[in-house]
Protein backbone atom coordinates (compact mmCIF):
# COMPACT_ATOMS: atom_id res chain seq x y z
CA MET A 1 10.48 -34.78 15.01
CA PRO A 2 9.44 -38.25 13.96
CA ILE A 3 10.29 -38.92 10.33
CA GLY A 4 7.18 -41.07 9.88
CA GLU A 5 4.96 -38.02 10.31
CA TYR A 6 6.23 -36.33 7.15
CA PHE A 7 5.05 -36.98 3.58
CA LYS A 8 1.51 -37.90 4.61
CA GLY A 9 2.70 -40.59 7.00
CA SER A 10 5.12 -42.29 4.61
CA GLY A 11 8.21 -40.40 5.72
CA SER A 12 10.00 -43.60 6.71
CA LYS A 13 9.65 -44.98 3.19
CA VAL A 14 10.82 -41.70 1.68
CA MET A 15 13.81 -41.61 4.03
CA SER A 16 14.87 -45.17 3.17
CA SER A 17 14.64 -44.34 -0.53
CA MET A 18 16.71 -41.20 -0.02
CA LYS A 19 19.33 -43.15 1.95
CA LYS A 20 19.81 -45.42 -1.05
CA LYS A 21 20.12 -42.47 -3.40
CA TYR A 22 21.96 -39.84 -1.30
CA GLY A 23 23.82 -41.92 1.30
CA ASP A 24 25.12 -39.86 4.23
CA ARG A 25 23.32 -36.70 3.08
CA ALA A 26 19.87 -38.36 3.06
CA GLU A 27 18.62 -36.70 6.25
CA GLU A 28 19.70 -33.27 5.03
CA VAL A 29 17.95 -33.79 1.69
CA PHE A 30 14.84 -35.21 3.40
CA TYR A 31 14.32 -32.19 5.64
CA ALA A 32 15.26 -29.73 2.88
CA THR A 33 12.61 -31.30 0.66
CA ALA A 34 10.02 -31.19 3.44
CA ASN A 35 10.83 -27.55 4.20
CA LYS A 36 10.76 -26.55 0.55
CA SER A 37 7.34 -28.19 0.22
CA GLY A 38 6.11 -26.36 3.33
CA MET A 39 5.42 -29.56 5.26
CA LYS A 40 4.81 -29.93 8.95
CA PRO A 41 4.90 -33.28 10.76
CA GLY A 42 1.66 -35.13 10.16
CA GLY A 43 1.63 -34.55 6.41
CA LYS A 44 0.12 -31.09 6.70
CA LYS A 45 1.40 -28.15 4.74
CA LYS A 46 1.93 -24.83 6.41
CA GLY A 47 1.30 -21.44 4.90
CA LYS A 48 -0.57 -20.68 1.73
CA GLY A 49 1.14 -23.17 -0.57
CA ARG A 50 -0.06 -23.48 -4.12
CA ASN A 51 -3.45 -22.29 -5.21
CA LYS A 52 -5.86 -25.02 -6.14
CA ILE A 53 -7.80 -24.67 -9.38
CA SER A 54 -10.98 -26.46 -10.18
CA ALA A 55 -11.22 -29.15 -12.83
CA GLY A 56 -13.42 -26.85 -14.93
CA ASP A 57 -10.88 -24.03 -14.84
CA GLN A 58 -8.13 -26.48 -15.69
CA ALA A 59 -10.07 -27.81 -18.68
CA ARG A 60 -10.74 -24.27 -19.94
CA ALA A 61 -7.06 -23.41 -19.65
CA LEU A 62 -6.10 -26.51 -21.61
CA ARG A 63 -8.58 -25.69 -24.37
CA LYS A 64 -7.08 -22.22 -24.65
CA GLY A 65 -3.62 -23.74 -24.97
CA GLY A 66 -2.46 -22.52 -21.58
CA ARG A 67 -1.26 -24.55 -18.71
């Protein structure tokens, strides 16, 4: 699969950064990160992923001291 289709179209930039940091293991780390995040090529996530909360709910949680 084309690397450029991951990470919302910036997969090539992410891969070059990972090559600098991880060297020979960069491709392994790249795809592991994409899989862990539930990404598909094209920057889309598969499955349910994380639940989104509204800004109002987030503000209420912060006022209560929660996260």
